[in-house]
Amino acid sequence: MSGAGRGIGRSHALLLAELHAHVVVNDLGVDREGRGVDRVPAESVVAEIVAAGGSASANHSDVSSAEGAAELVEGAVQMFGGIDILINNAGVLTGHDFPFTPVDDLRRNLDVHLVGAFELTRAAWPHLRMSDAGRVVMTSSSGLFGDLDLIAYGSAKAGVVGLAAGLAAVGARDGVGVNTIAPIANTRMSDPDPVFDSFTPRDVSAVVAYLAHSDCQLNGVTLAAGGGRVARIAIGESAGHVQQDLTIEDVADNIDTICDTGELFVPNDMAGYFRAFLGRVSDRKRLP
């Protein structure tokens, strides 16, 4: 599990350890903008797990590099014999008003959130395939809907959703479930707000533990979790408007129908999307 030294990741690690999982707690110990290195957070979580009778080890690799991801995976396999669950939770948070967001902020967010999830999942995938019930849980959030001051962060998190969708398609072939959590919880990554005082990381961790369980048959699903509420977030397509020789005026005249989400279709993958798209085009063209 990456980013497990503090906040939501720490909560995930503690709960999975309570459920008798062998947990590798990966954390660089950086601040929320990705600066500095501190071994204490990961070591503290491991000590807490072991003191409670659980099984855990600490890792301080940088998962945004292929070498760091491979080191984490190899260490987990050597210590525990395999990998059944991968939780990609490592993250940084930088916020600037656009267009004053430095491109270095974007690169840093992409490296940690997107590249880190890619590298770690790629390194772990052969072991997840060998598991009877390999499970991957990704972490997204504002990338799903956009956030005024978090352009770089949100862009990287949106990339995670795309990565998860592609991996879910591969996972359907390889027997690995890949799902995404969109958490809302009161941690150091969030700005202080009394509204979120009751939004504990534990509520999110319960959902993550379900997605990581061998009984969970979901694949390619994103679940929002926070404050005791769980809901599905889905990307879908409206029924739309179809006609021959479409013009600019046709688009303008039918824009309300085009944007009407009353008949929203949520595909499982691109193959299903294309089948439905072509079917709707054919059906509408056959209408008088």
Protein backbone atom coordinates (compact mmCIF):
# COMPACT_ATOMS: atom_id res chain seq x y z
CA MET A 1 0.00 0.00 0.00
CA SER A 2 1.50 3.32 -1.05
CA GLY A 3 1.05 6.49 0.97
CA ALA A 4 0.09 4.54 4.09
CA GLY A 5 1.99 6.53 6.71
CA ARG A 6 -0.67 9.12 7.47
CA GLY A 7 -4.26 10.13 6.84
CA ILE A 8 -6.49 7.85 4.80
CA GLY A 9 -3.64 5.50 3.91
CA ARG A 10 -2.81 4.94 7.56
CA SER A 11 -6.46 4.14 8.23
CA HIS A 12 -6.50 1.64 5.35
CA ALA A 13 -3.40 -0.07 6.70
CA LEU A 14 -4.74 -0.35 10.24
CA LEU A 15 -8.09 -1.77 9.13
CA LEU A 16 -6.60 -4.32 6.75
CA ALA A 17 -4.19 -5.42 9.47
CA GLU A 18 -7.15 -5.87 11.83
CA LEU A 19 -8.63 -8.13 9.14
CA HIS A 20 -5.44 -10.23 9.28
CA ALA A 21 -3.80 -8.97 6.11
CA HIS A 22 -0.01 -8.79 5.97
CA VAL A 23 0.53 -5.09 5.25
CA VAL A 24 3.49 -3.37 3.62
CA VAL A 25 3.32 0.28 4.68
CA ASN A 26 4.96 2.41 1.99
CA ASP A 27 5.50 6.10 2.68
CA LEU A 28 8.25 8.60 1.91
CA GLY A 29 7.12 10.84 4.74
CA VAL A 30 6.99 13.99 2.63
CA ASP A 31 4.83 17.01 3.42
CA ARG A 32 1.60 17.46 1.48
CA GLU A 33 3.41 19.29 -1.32
CA GLY A 34 5.95 16.49 -1.67
CA ARG A 35 8.89 18.09 0.15
CA GLY A 36 11.24 16.48 2.64
CA VAL A 37 11.66 12.83 3.64
CA ASP A 38 10.73 11.29 6.98
CA ARG A 39 10.83 7.58 7.84
CA VAL A 40 8.81 8.04 11.03
CA PRO A 41 5.24 7.94 9.60
CA ALA A 42 5.61 4.51 7.99
CA GLU A 43 7.57 3.11 10.95
CA SER A 44 4.95 4.41 13.38
CA VAL A 45 2.09 2.72 11.54
CA VAL A 46 3.99 -0.56 11.46
CA ALA A 47 4.71 -0.30 15.19
CA GLU A 48 1.02 0.34 15.87
CA ILE A 49 -0.02 -2.68 13.80
CA VAL A 50 2.54 -4.99 15.40
CA ALA A 51 1.63 -3.80 18.90
CA ALA A 52 -1.96 -4.79 18.18
CA GLY A 53 -0.86 -8.27 17.11
CA GLY A 54 -0.84 -7.64 13.38
CA SER A 55 1.72 -8.24 10.65
CA ALA A 56 3.37 -5.33 8.84
CA SER A 57 6.62 -3.99 7.46
CA ALA A 58 7.70 -0.50 6.43
CA ASN A 59 8.98 0.58 3.04
CA HIS A 60 10.32 3.97 2.01
CA SER A 61 10.69 3.56 -1.76
CA ASP A 62 9.66 6.30 -4.18
CA VAL A 63 6.89 4.62 -6.17
CA SER A 64 6.94 7.34 -8.83
CA SER A 65 10.03 5.63 -10.25
CA ALA A 66 10.14 2.19 -11.84
CA GLU A 67 13.03 1.27 -9.55
CA GLY A 68 11.19 2.33 -6.42
CA ALA A 69 8.02 0.49 -7.41
CA ALA A 70 9.97 -2.68 -8.21
CA GLU A 71 11.79 -2.44 -4.88
CA LEU A 72 8.51 -2.19 -2.99
CA VAL A 73 6.97 -5.14 -4.82
CA GLU A 74 10.07 -7.31 -4.49
CA GLY A 75 10.24 -6.59 -0.77
CA ALA A 76 6.59 -7.51 -0.29
CA VAL A 77 6.97 -10.78 -2.18
CA GLN A 78 10.14 -11.73 -0.30
CA MET A 79 8.55 -11.02 3.07
CA PHE A 80 5.04 -12.37 2.56
CA GLY A 81 5.31 -14.69 -0.45
CA GLY A 82 3.02 -12.87 -2.87
CA ILE A 83 0.64 -9.97 -3.43
CA ASP A 84 -3.14 -10.22 -3.30
CA ILE A 85 -4.05 -6.56 -2.81
CA LEU A 86 -2.55 -3.33 -4.10
CA ILE A 87 -3.81 0.02 -2.85
CA ASN A 88 -2.47 3.05 -4.71
CA ASN A 89 -2.88 5.90 -2.25
CA ALA A 90 0.35 7.92 -2.44
CA GLY A 91 -0.24 11.56 -3.25
CA VAL A 92 0.81 15.16 -3.00
CA LEU A 93 -1.34 18.27 -3.07
CA THR A 94 -0.37 21.61 -4.57
CA GLY A 95 -2.82 24.42 -5.20
CA HIS A 96 -2.44 27.56 -7.32
CA ASP A 97 -4.91 29.71 -9.17
CA PHE A 98 -4.89 29.19 -12.93
CA PRO A 99 -3.13 30.43 -15.09
CA PHE A 100 -0.49 30.89 -12.39
CA THR A 101 -0.08 27.16 -11.79
CA PRO A 102 3.58 26.28 -12.50
CA VAL A 103 4.08 23.42 -14.94
CA ASP A 104 6.43 21.87 -12.38
CA ASP A 105 3.39 21.45 -10.10
CA LEU A 106 1.63 19.54 -12.86
CA ARG A 107 4.64 17.31 -13.45
CA ARG A 108 5.03 16.58 -9.74
CA ASN A 109 1.38 15.66 -9.36
CA LEU A 110 1.46 13.48 -12.47
CA ASP A 111 4.63 11.73 -11.25
CA VAL A 112 3.19 10.82 -7.87
CA HIS A 113 -0.49 10.20 -8.58
CA LEU A 114 -0.51 8.85 -12.13
CA VAL A 115 3.01 7.59 -12.87
CA GLY A 116 3.31 6.20 -9.35
CA ALA A 117 0.07 4.24 -9.68
CA PHE A 118 1.13 3.04 -13.13
CA GLU A 119 4.60 1.91 -12.08
CA LEU A 120 3.47 0.21 -8.89
CA THR A 121 0.58 -1.58 -10.57
CA ARG A 122 2.81 -2.67 -13.44
CA ALA A 123 5.37 -4.09 -11.03
CA ALA A 124 2.73 -5.88 -8.96
CA TRP A 125 0.58 -7.15 -11.85
CA PRO A 126 2.32 -10.52 -12.42
CA HIS A 127 1.84 -11.35 -8.73
CA LEU A 128 -1.76 -10.15 -8.73
CA ARG A 129 -2.45 -12.41 -11.71
CA MET A 130 -1.10 -15.38 -9.76
CA SER A 131 -3.37 -14.61 -6.82
CA ASP A 132 -6.73 -16.32 -6.62
CA ALA A 133 -8.32 -12.91 -6.16
CA GLY A 134 -5.98 -10.07 -7.10
CA ARG A 135 -7.45 -6.66 -6.28
CA VAL A 136 -6.28 -3.12 -7.08
CA VAL A 137 -7.79 -0.01 -5.52
CA MET A 138 -6.95 3.36 -7.07
CA THR A 139 -7.53 6.74 -5.42
CA SER A 140 -9.08 9.70 -7.24
CA SER A 141 -11.11 12.73 -6.13
CA SER A 142 -11.35 16.23 -7.59
CA GLY A 143 -10.21 14.99 -10.98
CA LEU A 144 -13.70 13.66 -11.48
CA PHE A 145 -15.45 17.02 -11.33
CA GLY A 146 -12.82 19.75 -11.28
CA ASP A 147 -11.65 22.07 -8.53
CA LEU A 148 -10.98 25.77 -8.90
CA ASP A 149 -7.59 25.87 -7.17
CA LEU A 150 -6.37 22.34 -7.86
CA ILE A 151 -5.73 22.24 -11.60
CA ALA A 152 -2.52 20.20 -11.38
CA TYR A 153 -3.83 17.86 -8.69
CA GLY A 154 -7.17 17.35 -10.41
CA SER A 155 -5.54 16.67 -13.78
CA ALA A 156 -3.40 13.93 -12.27
CA LYS A 157 -6.37 12.42 -10.44
CA ALA A 158 -8.40 12.42 -13.66
CA GLY A 159 -5.55 10.51 -15.24
CA VAL A 160 -5.87 7.93 -12.48
CA VAL A 161 -9.50 7.34 -13.49
CA GLY A 162 -8.42 6.71 -17.08
CA LEU A 163 -5.65 4.40 -15.93
CA ALA A 164 -8.08 2.46 -13.75
CA ALA A 165 -10.52 2.07 -16.64
CA GLY A 166 -7.84 0.62 -18.88
CA LEU A 167 -6.52 -1.66 -16.16
CA ALA A 168 -10.04 -2.89 -15.42
CA ALA A 169 -10.33 -4.03 -19.04
CA VAL A 170 -7.03 -5.89 -18.70
CA GLY A 171 -8.09 -7.17 -15.31
CA ALA A 172 -11.24 -8.71 -16.77
CA ARG A 173 -8.94 -10.83 -18.91
CA ASP A 174 -6.39 -11.58 -16.20
CA GLY A 175 -8.69 -12.14 -13.24
CA VAL A 176 -7.72 -8.97 -11.37
CA GLY A 177 -10.38 -6.57 -10.08
CA VAL A 178 -9.50 -2.88 -10.48
CA ASN A 179 -11.68 -0.24 -8.87
CA THR A 180 -11.34 3.35 -7.69
CA ILE A 181 -12.21 5.19 -4.50
CA ALA A 182 -13.07 8.89 -4.45
CA PRO A 183 -12.65 9.78 -0.77
CA ILE A 184 -13.74 12.76 1.28
CA ALA A 185 -12.16 12.76 4.73
CA ASN A 186 -10.71 15.18 7.25
CA THR A 187 -6.93 14.68 6.94
CA ARG A 188 -3.83 16.84 6.51
CA MET A 189 -4.46 16.80 2.74
CA SER A 190 -7.71 18.72 3.22
CA ASP A 191 -8.06 22.33 4.29
CA PRO A 192 -9.44 22.79 7.84
CA ASP A 193 -13.23 22.97 7.73
CA PRO A 194 -15.65 22.15 10.57
CA VAL A 195 -18.04 20.72 7.97
CA PHE A 196 -15.72 17.75 7.57
CA ASP A 197 -15.07 17.06 11.25
CA SER A 198 -17.29 13.97 11.10
CA PHE A 199 -15.72 12.73 7.85
CA THR A 200 -13.32 10.22 9.34
CA PRO A 201 -10.80 8.20 7.31
CA ARG A 202 -12.25 5.00 8.81
CA ASP A 203 -15.47 5.46 6.82
CA VAL A 204 -13.43 5.52 3.62
CA SER A 205 -11.30 2.56 4.68
CA ALA A 206 -14.37 0.36 5.12
CA VAL A 207 -15.16 0.87 1.43
CA VAL A 208 -11.56 0.23 0.41
CA ALA A 209 -11.51 -2.97 2.45
CA TYR A 210 -14.63 -4.15 0.63
CA LEU A 211 -13.14 -3.38 -2.79
CA ALA A 212 -9.99 -5.25 -1.76
CA HIS A 213 -11.86 -8.35 -0.57
CA SER A 214 -11.92 -11.54 -2.60
CA ASP A 215 -15.73 -11.58 -2.42
CA CYS A 216 -15.97 -8.24 -4.24
CA GLN A 217 -16.85 -8.88 -7.88
CA LEU A 218 -16.87 -5.24 -8.99
CA ASN A 219 -14.48 -4.22 -11.75
CA GLY A 220 -14.00 -0.80 -13.30
CA VAL A 221 -16.21 0.95 -10.74
CA THR A 222 -15.59 4.23 -8.90
CA LEU A 223 -17.14 4.63 -5.46
CA ALA A 224 -17.40 7.95 -3.62
CA ALA A 225 -17.03 7.61 0.13
CA GLY A 226 -17.17 10.05 3.01
CA GLY A 227 -19.16 10.86 6.12
CA GLY A 228 -20.75 7.41 6.17
CA ARG A 229 -22.13 7.73 2.63
CA VAL A 230 -21.12 5.51 -0.28
CA ALA A 231 -22.25 6.08 -3.87
CA ARG A 232 -21.21 5.13 -7.36
CA ILE A 233 -19.69 7.74 -9.65
CA ALA A 234 -20.11 6.81 -13.29
CA ILE A 235 -19.06 8.25 -16.63
CA GLY A 236 -21.89 7.82 -19.09
CA GLU A 237 -23.28 9.02 -22.39
CA SER A 238 -26.67 10.54 -23.13
CA ALA A 239 -28.98 9.14 -25.79
CA GLY A 240 -28.07 12.13 -27.91
CA HIS A 241 -29.39 13.26 -31.29
CA VAL A 242 -28.86 11.51 -34.63
CA GLN A 243 -29.56 12.72 -38.16
CA GLN A 244 -28.03 12.60 -41.62
CA ASP A 245 -25.80 15.45 -42.84
CA LEU A 246 -25.54 17.14 -39.45
CA THR A 247 -25.01 20.91 -39.55
CA ILE A 248 -23.96 23.52 -36.99
CA GLU A 249 -27.57 24.68 -36.83
CA ASP A 250 -28.75 21.12 -36.17
CA VAL A 251 -26.41 20.91 -33.19
CA ALA A 252 -27.65 24.26 -31.84
CA ASP A 253 -31.32 23.38 -32.36
CA ASN A 254 -30.97 20.03 -30.56
CA ILE A 255 -28.47 20.90 -27.85
CA ASP A 256 -30.99 20.30 -25.04
CA THR A 257 -31.64 16.77 -26.31
CA ILE A 258 -27.93 16.18 -26.79
CA CYS A 259 -27.20 17.16 -23.18
CA ASP A 260 -30.22 15.43 -21.61
CA THR A 261 -28.92 12.80 -19.17
CA GLY A 262 -32.29 11.13 -18.64
CA GLU A 263 -31.25 8.09 -20.68
CA LEU A 264 -27.64 7.94 -19.56
CA PHE A 265 -25.75 4.83 -20.64
CA VAL A 266 -22.80 3.67 -18.52
CA PRO A 267 -20.54 1.30 -20.49
CA ASN A 268 -18.24 -1.24 -18.86
CA ASP A 269 -15.42 -0.69 -21.36
CA MET A 270 -14.65 0.81 -24.78
CA ALA A 271 -15.89 -2.27 -26.62
CA GLY A 272 -19.26 -1.96 -24.90
CA TYR A 273 -19.29 1.78 -25.54
CA PHE A 274 -18.71 1.38 -29.28
CA ARG A 275 -21.35 -1.33 -29.58
CA ALA A 276 -23.90 0.89 -27.86
CA PHE A 277 -22.85 3.96 -29.86
CA LEU A 278 -23.18 2.19 -33.20
CA GLY A 279 -26.45 0.63 -32.10
CA ARG A 280 -27.95 4.00 -31.21
CA VAL A 281 -26.81 5.51 -34.50
CA SER A 282 -28.37 2.63 -36.44
CA ASP A 283 -31.62 2.71 -34.43
CA ARG A 284 -32.13 6.45 -34.89
CA LYS A 285 -31.34 6.31 -38.60
CA ARG A 286 -34.04 3.67 -39.08
CA LEU A 287 -36.66 5.96 -37.55
CA PRO A 288 -39.01 7.69 -40.05
